[in-house]
Amino acid sequence: MEESLGQHLHQLRVERGYSLEQIAEKTCVNLPYLKALEDNDFSRLPHAEVFAKSYVHAYCEYLSADETTAMTLFAEAAGKFYKVAESARIPKHEESQASLRTKLSGLYANLRVLF
């Protein structure tokens, strides 16, 4: 069975004798995010992949561990999650057009009431 990102990070942390609370305090990464990484639950992390990667980087850096393996494991596991999450998002131009339509229809309704 191949090691997961969470297993890898947990093993590094335990080998070095740190608690998640200590890592959270020193890295300024919220404890729930560190727990989510160790649980391989990417849905509990920010939806911007760059933030999740920065948490993995900070975790490894604090433990003085090589982040190559961790980033490879992250790409394998979280990459799938973030691709699905990205495809489910509304493209910005569609989002802004919908927002503009909503604002214009509200403005039109207000003008009808006034005049």
PDB file of N, CA and C in Angstrom:
ATOM      1  N   MET A   1       0.838  -1.176   0.000  1.00  0.00           N
ATOM      2  CA  MET A   1       0.000   0.000   0.000  1.00  0.00           C
ATOM      3  C   MET A   1       0.892   1.251   0.000  1.00  0.00           C
ATOM      4  N   GLU A   2       0.567   2.185  -0.870  1.00  0.00           N
ATOM      5  CA  GLU A   2       1.355   3.406  -0.998  1.00  0.00           C
ATOM      6  C   GLU A   2       1.004   4.385   0.118  1.00  0.00           C
ATOM      7  N   GLU A   3       2.009   5.082   0.597  1.00  0.00           N
ATOM      8  CA  GLU A   3       1.833   6.050   1.671  1.00  0.00           C
ATOM      9  C   GLU A   3       1.087   7.279   1.160  1.00  0.00           C
ATOM     10  N   SER A   4       0.167   7.791   1.962  1.00  0.00           N
ATOM     11  CA  SER A   4      -0.566   9.004   1.600  1.00  0.00           C
ATOM     12  C   SER A   4       0.176  10.227   2.138  1.00  0.00           C
ATOM     13  N   LEU A   5      -0.243  11.388   1.683  1.00  0.00           N
ATOM     14  CA  LEU A   5       0.344  12.631   2.179  1.00  0.00           C
ATOM     15  C   LEU A   5       0.162  12.734   3.691  1.00  0.00           C
ATOM     16  N   GLY A   6      -1.043  12.473   4.161  1.00  0.00           N
ATOM     17  CA  GLY A   6      -1.318  12.566   5.587  1.00  0.00           C
ATOM     18  C   GLY A   6      -0.461  11.621   6.410  1.00  0.00           C
ATOM     19  N   GLN A   7      -0.309  10.394   5.930  1.00  0.00           N
ATOM     20  CA  GLN A   7       0.537   9.422   6.630  1.00  0.00           C
ATOM     21  C   GLN A   7       1.984   9.896   6.665  1.00  0.00           C
ATOM     22  N   HIS A   8       2.435  10.422   5.543  1.00  0.00           N
ATOM     23  CA  HIS A   8       3.813  10.915   5.441  1.00  0.00           C
ATOM     24  C   HIS A   8       4.057  12.053   6.432  1.00  0.00           C
ATOM     25  N   LEU A   9       3.159  13.036   6.445  1.00  0.00           N
ATOM     26  CA  LEU A   9       3.324  14.177   7.344  1.00  0.00           C
ATOM     27  C   LEU A   9       3.238  13.739   8.806  1.00  0.00           C
ATOM     28  N   HIS A  10       2.285  12.871   9.100  1.00  0.00           N
ATOM     29  CA  HIS A  10       2.126  12.368  10.470  1.00  0.00           C
ATOM     30  C   HIS A  10       3.399  11.652  10.931  1.00  0.00           C
ATOM     31  N   GLN A  11       3.932  10.813  10.063  1.00  0.00           N
ATOM     32  CA  GLN A  11       5.149  10.067  10.404  1.00  0.00           C
ATOM     33  C   GLN A  11       6.320  11.013  10.661  1.00  0.00           C
ATOM     34  N   LEU A  12       6.486  12.015   9.806  1.00  0.00           N
ATOM     35  CA  LEU A  12       7.558  13.000  10.007  1.00  0.00           C
ATOM     36  C   LEU A  12       7.409  13.693  11.361  1.00  0.00           C
ATOM     37  N   ARG A  13       6.192  14.099  11.654  1.00  0.00           N
ATOM     38  CA  ARG A  13       5.929  14.830  12.899  1.00  0.00           C
ATOM     39  C   ARG A  13       6.205  13.964  14.127  1.00  0.00           C
ATOM     40  N   VAL A  14       5.716  12.730  14.107  1.00  0.00           N
ATOM     41  CA  VAL A  14       5.896  11.833  15.254  1.00  0.00           C
ATOM     42  C   VAL A  14       7.368  11.484  15.444  1.00  0.00           C
ATOM     43  N   GLU A  15       8.077  11.221  14.341  1.00  0.00           N
ATOM     44  CA  GLU A  15       9.509  10.896  14.426  1.00  0.00           C
ATOM     45  C   GLU A  15      10.305  12.024  15.073  1.00  0.00           C
ATOM     46  N   ARG A  16       9.872  13.257  14.839  1.00  0.00           N
ATOM     47  CA  ARG A  16      10.604  14.406  15.371  1.00  0.00           C
ATOM     48  C   ARG A  16      10.071  14.848  16.738  1.00  0.00           C
ATOM     49  N   GLY A  17       8.982  14.222  17.182  1.00  0.00           N
ATOM     50  CA  GLY A  17       8.464  14.482  18.521  1.00  0.00           C
ATOM     51  C   GLY A  17       7.664  15.755  18.693  1.00  0.00           C
ATOM     52  N   TYR A  18       6.962  16.190  17.652  1.00  0.00           N
ATOM     53  CA  TYR A  18       6.155  17.405  17.737  1.00  0.00           C
ATOM     54  C   TYR A  18       4.670  17.066  17.772  1.00  0.00           C
ATOM     55  N   SER A  19       3.908  17.961  18.389  1.00  0.00           N
ATOM     56  CA  SER A  19       2.447  17.854  18.342  1.00  0.00           C
ATOM     57  C   SER A  19       1.940  18.764  17.224  1.00  0.00           C
ATOM     58  N   LEU A  20       0.719  18.521  16.793  1.00  0.00           N
ATOM     59  CA  LEU A  20       0.123  19.405  15.787  1.00  0.00           C
ATOM     60  C   LEU A  20      -0.007  20.828  16.333  1.00  0.00           C
ATOM     61  N   GLU A  21      -0.297  20.928  17.611  1.00  0.00           N
ATOM     62  CA  GLU A  21      -0.442  22.247  18.229  1.00  0.00           C
ATOM     63  C   GLU A  21       0.860  23.046  18.153  1.00  0.00           C
ATOM     64  N   GLN A  22       1.990  22.368  18.379  1.00  0.00           N
ATOM     65  CA  GLN A  22       3.288  23.046  18.291  1.00  0.00           C
ATOM     66  C   GLN A  22       3.545  23.535  16.870  1.00  0.00           C
ATOM     67  N   ILE A  23       3.238  22.694  15.901  1.00  0.00           N
ATOM     68  CA  ILE A  23       3.462  23.080  14.502  1.00  0.00           C
ATOM     69  C   ILE A  23       2.551  24.240  14.131  1.00  0.00           C
ATOM     70  N   ALA A  24       1.292  24.195  14.562  1.00  0.00           N
ATOM     71  CA  ALA A  24       0.351  25.279  14.266  1.00  0.00           C
ATOM     72  C   ALA A  24       0.852  26.597  14.847  1.00  0.00           C
ATOM     73  N   GLU A  25       1.337  26.545  16.074  1.00  0.00           N
ATOM     74  CA  GLU A  25       1.818  27.761  16.732  1.00  0.00           C
ATOM     75  C   GLU A  25       3.036  28.346  16.016  1.00  0.00           C
ATOM     76  N   LYS A  26       3.966  27.509  15.636  1.00  0.00           N
ATOM     77  CA  LYS A  26       5.216  27.990  15.040  1.00  0.00           C
ATOM     78  C   LYS A  26       5.078  28.366  13.564  1.00  0.00           C
ATOM     79  N   THR A  27       4.162  27.722  12.845  1.00  0.00           N
ATOM     80  CA  THR A  27       4.017  28.001  11.412  1.00  0.00           C
ATOM     81  C   THR A  27       2.908  28.999  11.112  1.00  0.00           C
ATOM     82  N   CYS A  28       2.083  29.295  12.115  1.00  0.00           N
ATOM     83  CA  CYS A  28       0.912  30.165  11.927  1.00  0.00           C
ATOM     84  C   CYS A  28      -0.099  29.570  10.947  1.00  0.00           C
ATOM     85  N   VAL A  29      -0.089  28.253  10.801  1.00  0.00           N
ATOM     86  CA  VAL A  29      -1.107  27.551  10.016  1.00  0.00           C
ATOM     87  C   VAL A  29      -2.151  27.071  11.015  1.00  0.00           C
ATOM     88  N   ASN A  30      -3.413  27.359  10.741  1.00  0.00           N
ATOM     89  CA  ASN A  30      -4.483  26.969  11.658  1.00  0.00           C
ATOM     90  C   ASN A  30      -4.474  25.469  11.912  1.00  0.00           C
ATOM     91  N   LEU A  31      -4.681  25.103  13.166  1.00  0.00           N
ATOM     92  CA  LEU A  31      -4.688  23.701  13.573  1.00  0.00           C
ATOM     93  C   LEU A  31      -5.662  22.849  12.750  1.00  0.00           C
ATOM     94  N   PRO A  32      -6.887  23.317  12.476  1.00  0.00           N
ATOM     95  CA  PRO A  32      -7.794  22.493  11.665  1.00  0.00           C
ATOM     96  C   PRO A  32      -7.236  22.180  10.269  1.00  0.00           C
ATOM     97  N   TYR A  33      -6.450  23.098   9.710  1.00  0.00           N
ATOM     98  CA  TYR A  33      -5.851  22.843   8.396  1.00  0.00           C
ATOM     99  C   TYR A  33      -4.769  21.772   8.485  1.00  0.00           C
ATOM    100  N   LEU A  34      -3.983  21.811   9.560  1.00  0.00           N
ATOM    101  CA  LEU A  34      -2.960  20.776   9.739  1.00  0.00           C
ATOM    102  C   LEU A  34      -3.612  19.411   9.939  1.00  0.00           C
ATOM    103  N   LYS A  35      -4.699  19.384  10.711  1.00  0.00           N
ATOM    104  CA  LYS A  35      -5.432  18.125  10.907  1.00  0.00           C
ATOM    105  C   LYS A  35      -5.991  17.630   9.579  1.00  0.00           C
ATOM    106  N   ALA A  36      -6.515  18.542   8.778  1.00  0.00           N
ATOM    107  CA  ALA A  36      -7.062  18.161   7.470  1.00  0.00           C
ATOM    108  C   ALA A  36      -5.979  17.556   6.585  1.00  0.00           C
ATOM    109  N   LEU A  37      -4.775  18.124   6.621  1.00  0.00           N
ATOM    110  CA  LEU A  37      -3.669  17.561   5.835  1.00  0.00           C
ATOM    111  C   LEU A  37      -3.354  16.144   6.291  1.00  0.00           C
ATOM    112  N   GLU A  38      -3.254  15.941   7.601  1.00  0.00           N
ATOM    113  CA  GLU A  38      -2.935  14.604   8.107  1.00  0.00           C
ATOM    114  C   GLU A  38      -4.076  13.614   7.874  1.00  0.00           C
ATOM    115  N   ASP A  39      -5.302  14.129   7.746  1.00  0.00           N
ATOM    116  CA  ASP A  39      -6.461  13.267   7.474  1.00  0.00           C
ATOM    117  C   ASP A  39      -6.714  13.082   5.979  1.00  0.00           C
ATOM    118  N   ASN A  40      -5.909  13.738   5.148  1.00  0.00           N
ATOM    119  CA  ASN A  40      -6.116  13.718   3.693  1.00  0.00           C
ATOM    120  C   ASN A  40      -7.511  14.209   3.318  1.00  0.00           C
ATOM    121  N   ASP A  41      -8.018  15.167   4.068  1.00  0.00           N
ATOM    122  CA  ASP A  41      -9.351  15.717   3.812  1.00  0.00           C
ATOM    123  C   ASP A  41      -9.200  17.124   3.243  1.00  0.00           C
ATOM    124  N   PHE A  42      -9.006  17.195   1.948  1.00  0.00           N
ATOM    125  CA  PHE A  42      -8.722  18.469   1.292  1.00  0.00           C
ATOM    126  C   PHE A  42      -9.941  19.379   1.241  1.00  0.00           C
ATOM    127  N   SER A  43     -11.118  18.818   1.462  1.00  0.00           N
ATOM    128  CA  SER A  43     -12.328  19.643   1.467  1.00  0.00           C
ATOM    129  C   SER A  43     -12.362  20.588   2.667  1.00  0.00           C
ATOM    130  N   ARG A  44     -11.568  20.324   3.693  1.00  0.00           N
ATOM    131  CA  ARG A  44     -11.505  21.196   4.872  1.00  0.00           C
ATOM    132  C   ARG A  44     -10.425  22.269   4.735  1.00  0.00           C
ATOM    133  N   LEU A  45      -9.751  22.292   3.602  1.00  0.00           N
ATOM    134  CA  LEU A  45      -8.710  23.292   3.342  1.00  0.00           C
ATOM    135  C   LEU A  45      -9.287  24.396   2.466  1.00  0.00           C
ATOM    136  N   PRO A  46      -8.619  25.546   2.409  1.00  0.00           N
ATOM    137  CA  PRO A  46      -9.079  26.602   1.499  1.00  0.00           C
ATOM    138  C   PRO A  46      -9.170  26.071   0.065  1.00  0.00           C
ATOM    139  N   HIS A  47     -10.100  26.628  -0.688  1.00  0.00           N
ATOM    140  CA  HIS A  47     -10.328  26.119  -2.039  1.00  0.00           C
ATOM    141  C   HIS A  47      -9.311  26.607  -3.056  1.00  0.00           C
ATOM    142  N   ALA A  48      -8.371  27.414  -2.632  1.00  0.00           N
ATOM    143  CA  ALA A  48      -7.268  27.817  -3.503  1.00  0.00           C
ATOM    144  C   ALA A  48      -6.094  26.873  -3.236  1.00  0.00           C
ATOM    145  N   GLU A  49      -5.715  26.146  -4.257  1.00  0.00           N
ATOM    146  CA  GLU A  49      -4.657  25.144  -4.122  1.00  0.00           C
ATOM    147  C   GLU A  49      -3.354  25.746  -3.603  1.00  0.00           C
ATOM    148  N   VAL A  50      -3.081  26.975  -3.967  1.00  0.00           N
ATOM    149  CA  VAL A  50      -1.825  27.610  -3.563  1.00  0.00           C
ATOM    150  C   VAL A  50      -1.718  27.706  -2.039  1.00  0.00           C
ATOM    151  N   PHE A  51      -2.836  27.923  -1.352  1.00  0.00           N
ATOM    152  CA  PHE A  51      -2.803  27.978   0.110  1.00  0.00           C
ATOM    153  C   PHE A  51      -2.474  26.609   0.689  1.00  0.00           C
ATOM    154  N   ALA A  52      -3.119  25.582   0.178  1.00  0.00           N
ATOM    155  CA  ALA A  52      -2.864  24.223   0.675  1.00  0.00           C
ATOM    156  C   ALA A  52      -1.398  23.845   0.466  1.00  0.00           C
ATOM    157  N   LYS A  53      -0.853  24.186  -0.695  1.00  0.00           N
ATOM    158  CA  LYS A  53       0.567  23.901  -0.952  1.00  0.00           C
ATOM    159  C   LYS A  53       1.459  24.646   0.034  1.00  0.00           C
ATOM    160  N   SER A  54       1.085  25.871   0.341  1.00  0.00           N
ATOM    161  CA  SER A  54       1.909  26.645   1.282  1.00  0.00           C
ATOM    162  C   SER A  54       1.869  26.025   2.675  1.00  0.00           C
ATOM    163  N   TYR A  55       0.763  25.396   3.046  1.00  0.00           N
ATOM    164  CA  TYR A  55       0.678  24.724   4.346  1.00  0.00           C
ATOM    165  C   TYR A  55       1.597  23.506   4.378  1.00  0.00           C
ATOM    166  N   VAL A  56       1.625  22.756   3.284  1.00  0.00           N
ATOM    167  CA  VAL A  56       2.525  21.596   3.209  1.00  0.00           C
ATOM    168  C   VAL A  56       3.972  22.074   3.290  1.00  0.00           C
ATOM    169  N   HIS A  57       4.271  23.139   2.570  1.00  0.00           N
ATOM    170  CA  HIS A  57       5.629  23.702   2.588  1.00  0.00           C
ATOM    171  C   HIS A  57       6.020  24.124   4.005  1.00  0.00           C
ATOM    172  N   ALA A  58       5.141  24.868   4.682  1.00  0.00           N
ATOM    173  CA  ALA A  58       5.435  25.342   6.040  1.00  0.00           C
ATOM    174  C   ALA A  58       5.612  24.171   7.002  1.00  0.00           C
ATOM    175  N   TYR A  59       4.779  23.157   6.855  1.00  0.00           N
ATOM    176  CA  TYR A  59       4.847  21.959   7.704  1.00  0.00           C
ATOM    177  C   TYR A  59       6.216  21.301   7.557  1.00  0.00           C
ATOM    178  N   CYS A  60       6.623  21.059   6.309  1.00  0.00           N
ATOM    179  CA  CYS A  60       7.916  20.408   6.049  1.00  0.00           C
ATOM    180  C   CYS A  60       9.081  21.290   6.482  1.00  0.00           C
ATOM    181  N   GLU A  61       8.976  22.568   6.213  1.00  0.00           N
ATOM    182  CA  GLU A  61      10.057  23.483   6.578  1.00  0.00           C
ATOM    183  C   GLU A  61      10.260  23.509   8.094  1.00  0.00           C
ATOM    184  N   TYR A  62       9.167  23.559   8.838  1.00  0.00           N
ATOM    185  CA  TYR A  62       9.293  23.581  10.295  1.00  0.00           C
ATOM    186  C   TYR A  62       9.951  22.305  10.814  1.00  0.00           C
ATOM    187  N   LEU A  63       9.637  21.169  10.184  1.00  0.00           N
ATOM    188  CA  LEU A  63      10.218  19.897  10.617  1.00  0.00           C
ATOM    189  C   LEU A  63      11.593  19.650  10.010  1.00  0.00           C
ATOM    190  N   SER A  64      12.099  20.604   9.246  1.00  0.00           N
ATOM    191  CA  SER A  64      13.376  20.461   8.531  1.00  0.00           C
ATOM    192  C   SER A  64      13.382  19.193   7.685  1.00  0.00           C
ATOM    193  N   ALA A  65      12.274  18.961   7.011  1.00  0.00           N
ATOM    194  CA  ALA A  65      12.121  17.766   6.173  1.00  0.00           C
ATOM    195  C   ALA A  65      12.127  18.169   4.703  1.00  0.00           C
ATOM    196  N   ASP A  66      12.645  17.294   3.866  1.00  0.00           N
ATOM    197  CA  ASP A  66      12.628  17.522   2.424  1.00  0.00           C
ATOM    198  C   ASP A  66      11.173  17.497   1.960  1.00  0.00           C
ATOM    199  N   GLU A  67      10.761  18.545   1.278  1.00  0.00           N
ATOM    200  CA  GLU A  67       9.356  18.624   0.884  1.00  0.00           C
ATOM    201  C   GLU A  67       9.061  17.961  -0.463  1.00  0.00           C
ATOM    202  N   THR A  68      10.072  17.426  -1.133  1.00  0.00           N
ATOM    203  CA  THR A  68       9.857  16.823  -2.450  1.00  0.00           C
ATOM    204  C   THR A  68       8.833  15.698  -2.388  1.00  0.00           C
ATOM    205  N   THR A  69       9.012  14.776  -1.451  1.00  0.00           N
ATOM    206  CA  THR A  69       8.078  13.659  -1.326  1.00  0.00           C
ATOM    207  C   THR A  69       6.689  14.157  -0.958  1.00  0.00           C
ATOM    208  N   ALA A  70       6.625  15.089  -0.016  1.00  0.00           N
ATOM    209  CA  ALA A  70       5.329  15.618   0.419  1.00  0.00           C
ATOM    210  C   ALA A  70       4.604  16.305  -0.733  1.00  0.00           C
ATOM    211  N   MET A  71       5.317  17.084  -1.529  1.00  0.00           N
ATOM    212  CA  MET A  71       4.676  17.781  -2.648  1.00  0.00           C
ATOM    213  C   MET A  71       4.238  16.803  -3.741  1.00  0.00           C
ATOM    214  N   THR A  72       4.999  15.739  -3.935  1.00  0.00           N
ATOM    215  CA  THR A  72       4.596  14.715  -4.903  1.00  0.00           C
ATOM    216  C   THR A  72       3.317  14.037  -4.432  1.00  0.00           C
ATOM    217  N   LEU A  73       3.273  13.678  -3.156  1.00  0.00           N
ATOM    218  CA  LEU A  73       2.071  13.054  -2.594  1.00  0.00           C
ATOM    219  C   LEU A  73       0.892  14.023  -2.626  1.00  0.00           C
ATOM    220  N   PHE A  74       1.161  15.307  -2.380  1.00  0.00           N
ATOM    221  CA  PHE A  74       0.107  16.318  -2.454  1.00  0.00           C
ATOM    222  C   PHE A  74      -0.457  16.390  -3.871  1.00  0.00           C
ATOM    223  N   ALA A  75       0.426  16.432  -4.846  1.00  0.00           N
ATOM    224  CA  ALA A  75      -0.016  16.528  -6.241  1.00  0.00           C
ATOM    225  C   ALA A  75      -0.874  15.333  -6.636  1.00  0.00           C
ATOM    226  N   GLU A  76      -0.495  14.146  -6.169  1.00  0.00           N
ATOM    227  CA  GLU A  76      -1.257  12.939  -6.501  1.00  0.00           C
ATOM    228  C   GLU A  76      -2.644  12.956  -5.866  1.00  0.00           C
ATOM    229  N   ALA A  77      -2.725  13.331  -4.612  1.00  0.00           N
ATOM    230  CA  ALA A  77      -3.998  13.269  -3.891  1.00  0.00           C
ATOM    231  C   ALA A  77      -4.831  14.537  -4.061  1.00  0.00           C
ATOM    232  N   ALA A  78      -4.250  15.657  -3.734  1.00  0.00           N
ATOM    233  CA  ALA A  78      -4.995  16.909  -3.759  1.00  0.00           C
ATOM    234  C   ALA A  78      -5.226  17.408  -5.173  1.00  0.00           C
ATOM    235  N   GLY A  79      -4.328  17.049  -6.074  1.00  0.00           N
ATOM    236  CA  GLY A  79      -4.500  17.480  -7.459  1.00  0.00           C
ATOM    237  C   GLY A  79      -5.839  17.059  -8.017  1.00  0.00           C
ATOM    238  N   LYS A  80      -6.256  15.846  -7.706  1.00  0.00           N
ATOM    239  CA  LYS A  80      -7.566  15.352  -8.155  1.00  0.00           C
ATOM    240  C   LYS A  80      -8.683  16.185  -7.538  1.00  0.00           C
ATOM    241  N   PHE A  81      -8.570  16.454  -6.244  1.00  0.00           N
ATOM    242  CA  PHE A  81      -9.595  17.239  -5.551  1.00  0.00           C
ATOM    243  C   PHE A  81      -9.709  18.636  -6.154  1.00  0.00           C
ATOM    244  N   TYR A  82      -8.581  19.306  -6.349  1.00  0.00           N
ATOM    245  CA  TYR A  82      -8.626  20.679  -6.839  1.00  0.00           C
ATOM    246  C   TYR A  82      -9.059  20.765  -8.297  1.00  0.00           C
ATOM    247  N   LYS A  83      -8.774  19.743  -9.091  1.00  0.00           N
ATOM    248  CA  LYS A  83      -9.263  19.745 -10.475  1.00  0.00           C
ATOM    249  C   LYS A  83     -10.779  19.651 -10.500  1.00  0.00           C
ATOM    250  N   VAL A  84     -11.350  18.788  -9.659  1.00  0.00           N
ATOM    251  CA  VAL A  84     -12.805  18.653  -9.581  1.00  0.00           C
ATOM    252  C   VAL A  84     -13.416  19.942  -9.050  1.00  0.00           C
ATOM    253  N   ALA A  85     -12.827  20.508  -8.006  1.00  0.00           N
ATOM    254  CA  ALA A  85     -13.337  21.750  -7.421  1.00  0.00           C
ATOM    255  C   ALA A  85     -13.278  22.888  -8.436  1.00  0.00           C
ATOM    256  N   GLU A  86     -12.208  22.955  -9.204  1.00  0.00           N
ATOM    257  CA  GLU A  86     -12.054  24.017 -10.205  1.00  0.00           C
ATOM    258  C   GLU A  86     -13.092  23.877 -11.312  1.00  0.00           C
ATOM    259  N   SER A  87     -13.343  22.653 -11.745  1.00  0.00           N
ATOM    260  CA  SER A  87     -14.307  22.459 -12.831  1.00  0.00           C
ATOM    261  C   SER A  87     -15.730  22.751 -12.374  1.00  0.00           C
ATOM    262  N   ALA A  88     -15.987  22.667 -11.071  1.00  0.00           N
ATOM    263  CA  ALA A  88     -17.324  22.926 -10.546  1.00  0.00           C
ATOM    264  C   ALA A  88     -17.591  24.419 -10.362  1.00  0.00           C
ATOM    265  N   ARG A  89     -16.541  25.226 -10.356  1.00  0.00           N
ATOM    266  CA  ARG A  89     -16.710  26.663 -10.162  1.00  0.00           C
ATOM    267  C   ARG A  89     -17.237  27.321 -11.423  1.00  0.00           C
ATOM    268  N   ILE A  90     -17.979  28.386 -11.227  1.00  0.00           N
ATOM    269  CA  ILE A  90     -18.481  29.172 -12.349  1.00  0.00           C
ATOM    270  C   ILE A  90     -17.333  30.032 -12.861  1.00  0.00           C
ATOM    271  N   PRO A  91     -17.097  30.040 -14.167  1.00  0.00           N
ATOM    272  CA  PRO A  91     -16.047  30.916 -14.698  1.00  0.00           C
ATOM    273  C   PRO A  91     -16.320  32.372 -14.324  1.00  0.00           C
ATOM    274  N   LYS A  92     -15.256  33.121 -14.067  1.00  0.00           N
ATOM    275  CA  LYS A  92     -15.395  34.498 -13.596  1.00  0.00           C
ATOM    276  C   LYS A  92     -16.213  35.370 -14.542  1.00  0.00           C
ATOM    277  N   HIS A  93     -16.021  35.224 -15.848  1.00  0.00           N
ATOM    278  CA  HIS A  93     -16.767  36.094 -16.756  1.00  0.00           C
ATOM    279  C   HIS A  93     -18.255  35.786 -16.708  1.00  0.00           C
ATOM    280  N   GLU A  94     -18.632  34.519 -16.527  1.00  0.00           N
ATOM    281  CA  GLU A  94     -20.044  34.178 -16.396  1.00  0.00           C
ATOM    282  C   GLU A  94     -20.586  34.692 -15.073  1.00  0.00           C
ATOM    283  N   GLU A  95     -19.772  34.594 -14.041  1.00  0.00           N
ATOM    284  CA  GLU A  95     -20.174  35.060 -12.717  1.00  0.00           C
ATOM    285  C   GLU A  95     -20.403  36.564 -12.746  1.00  0.00           C
ATOM    286  N   SER A  96     -19.497  37.308 -13.379  1.00  0.00           N
ATOM    287  CA  SER A  96     -19.639  38.760 -13.411  1.00  0.00           C
ATOM    288  C   SER A  96     -20.809  39.183 -14.294  1.00  0.00           C
ATOM    289  N   GLN A  97     -21.084  38.435 -15.377  1.00  0.00           N
ATOM    290  CA  GLN A  97     -22.231  38.749 -16.219  1.00  0.00           C
ATOM    291  C   GLN A  97     -23.531  38.524 -15.459  1.00  0.00           C
ATOM    292  N   ALA A  98     -23.597  37.427 -14.702  1.00  0.00           N
ATOM    293  CA  ALA A  98     -24.793  37.144 -13.911  1.00  0.00           C
ATOM    294  C   ALA A  98     -24.983  38.225 -12.853  1.00  0.00           C
ATOM    295  N   SER A  99     -23.890  38.643 -12.231  1.00  0.00           N
ATOM    296  CA  SER A  99     -23.958  39.686 -11.216  1.00  0.00           C
ATOM    297  C   SER A  99     -24.421  41.002 -11.837  1.00  0.00           C
ATOM    298  N   LEU A 100     -23.913  41.330 -13.005  1.00  0.00           N
ATOM    299  CA  LEU A 100     -24.307  42.555 -13.690  1.00  0.00           C
ATOM    300  C   LEU A 100     -25.791  42.517 -14.048  1.00  0.00           C
ATOM    301  N   ARG A 101     -26.255  41.361 -14.553  1.00  0.00           N
ATOM    302  CA  ARG A 101     -27.678  41.227 -14.887  1.00  0.00           C
ATOM    303  C   ARG A 101     -28.546  41.441 -13.648  1.00  0.00           C
ATOM    304  N   THR A 102     -28.132  40.869 -12.530  1.00  0.00           N
ATOM    305  CA  THR A 102     -28.889  41.011 -11.288  1.00  0.00           C
ATOM    306  C   THR A 102     -28.947  42.476 -10.866  1.00  0.00           C
ATOM    307  N   LYS A 103     -27.825  43.159 -10.942  1.00  0.00           N
ATOM    308  CA  LYS A 103     -27.785  44.568 -10.556  1.00  0.00           C
ATOM    309  C   LYS A 103     -28.646  45.419 -11.483  1.00  0.00           C
ATOM    310  N   LEU A 104     -28.566  45.151 -12.784  1.00  0.00           N
ATOM    311  CA  LEU A 104     -29.353  45.929 -13.738  1.00  0.00           C
ATOM    312  C   LEU A 104     -30.844  45.692 -13.561  1.00  0.00           C
ATOM    313  N   SER A 105     -31.230  44.450 -13.310  1.00  0.00           N
ATOM    314  CA  SER A 105     -32.659  44.180 -13.119  1.00  0.00           C
ATOM    315  C   SER A 105     -33.150  44.842 -11.834  1.00  0.00           C
ATOM    316  N   GLY A 106     -32.312  44.879 -10.800  1.00  0.00           N
ATOM    317  CA  GLY A 106     -32.682  45.574  -9.566  1.00  0.00           C
ATOM    318  C   GLY A 106     -32.813  47.066  -9.789  1.00  0.00           C
ATOM    319  N   LEU A 107     -31.904  47.632 -10.564  1.00  0.00           N
ATOM    320  CA  LEU A 107     -31.959  49.050 -10.888  1.00  0.00           C
ATOM    321  C   LEU A 107     -33.217  49.363 -11.687  1.00  0.00           C
ATOM    322  N   TYR A 108     -33.526  48.519 -12.651  1.00  0.00           N
ATOM    323  CA  TYR A 108     -34.718  48.703 -13.480  1.00  0.00           C
ATOM    324  C   TYR A 108     -35.976  48.662 -12.605  1.00  0.00           C
ATOM    325  N   ALA A 109     -36.037  47.708 -11.685  1.00  0.00           N
ATOM    326  CA  ALA A 109     -37.201  47.593 -10.800  1.00  0.00           C
ATOM    327  C   ALA A 109     -37.338  48.840  -9.933  1.00  0.00           C
ATOM    328  N   ASN A 110     -36.231  49.356  -9.434  1.00  0.00           N
ATOM    329  CA  ASN A 110     -36.274  50.573  -8.615  1.00  0.00           C
ATOM    330  C   ASN A 110     -36.720  51.779  -9.430  1.00  0.00           C
ATOM    331  N   LEU A 111     -36.260  51.875 -10.664  1.00  0.00           N
ATOM    332  CA  LEU A 111     -36.665  52.993 -11.522  1.00  0.00           C
ATOM    333  C   LEU A 111     -38.156  52.934 -11.831  1.00  0.00           C
ATOM    334  N   ARG A 112     -38.681  51.735 -12.028  1.00  0.00           N
ATOM    335  CA  ARG A 112     -40.121  51.579 -12.309  1.00  0.00           C
ATOM    336  C   ARG A 112     -40.942  52.043 -11.112  1.00  0.00           C
ATOM    337  N   VAL A 113     -40.456  51.770  -9.918  1.00  0.00           N
ATOM    338  CA  VAL A 113     -41.178  52.186  -8.709  1.00  0.00           C
ATOM    339  C   VAL A 113     -41.150  53.705  -8.580  1.00  0.00           C
ATOM    340  N   LEU A 114     -40.007  54.297  -8.887  1.00  0.00           N
ATOM    341  CA  LEU A 114     -39.867  55.745  -8.749  1.00  0.00           C
ATOM    342  C   LEU A 114     -40.649  56.519  -9.805  1.00  0.00           C
ATOM    343  N   PHE A 115     -40.738  55.988 -10.997  1.00  0.00           N
ATOM    344  CA  PHE A 115     -41.366  56.746 -12.089  1.00  0.00           C
ATOM    345  C   PHE A 115     -42.618  56.062 -12.485  1.00  0.00           C
TER     346      PHE A 115
END
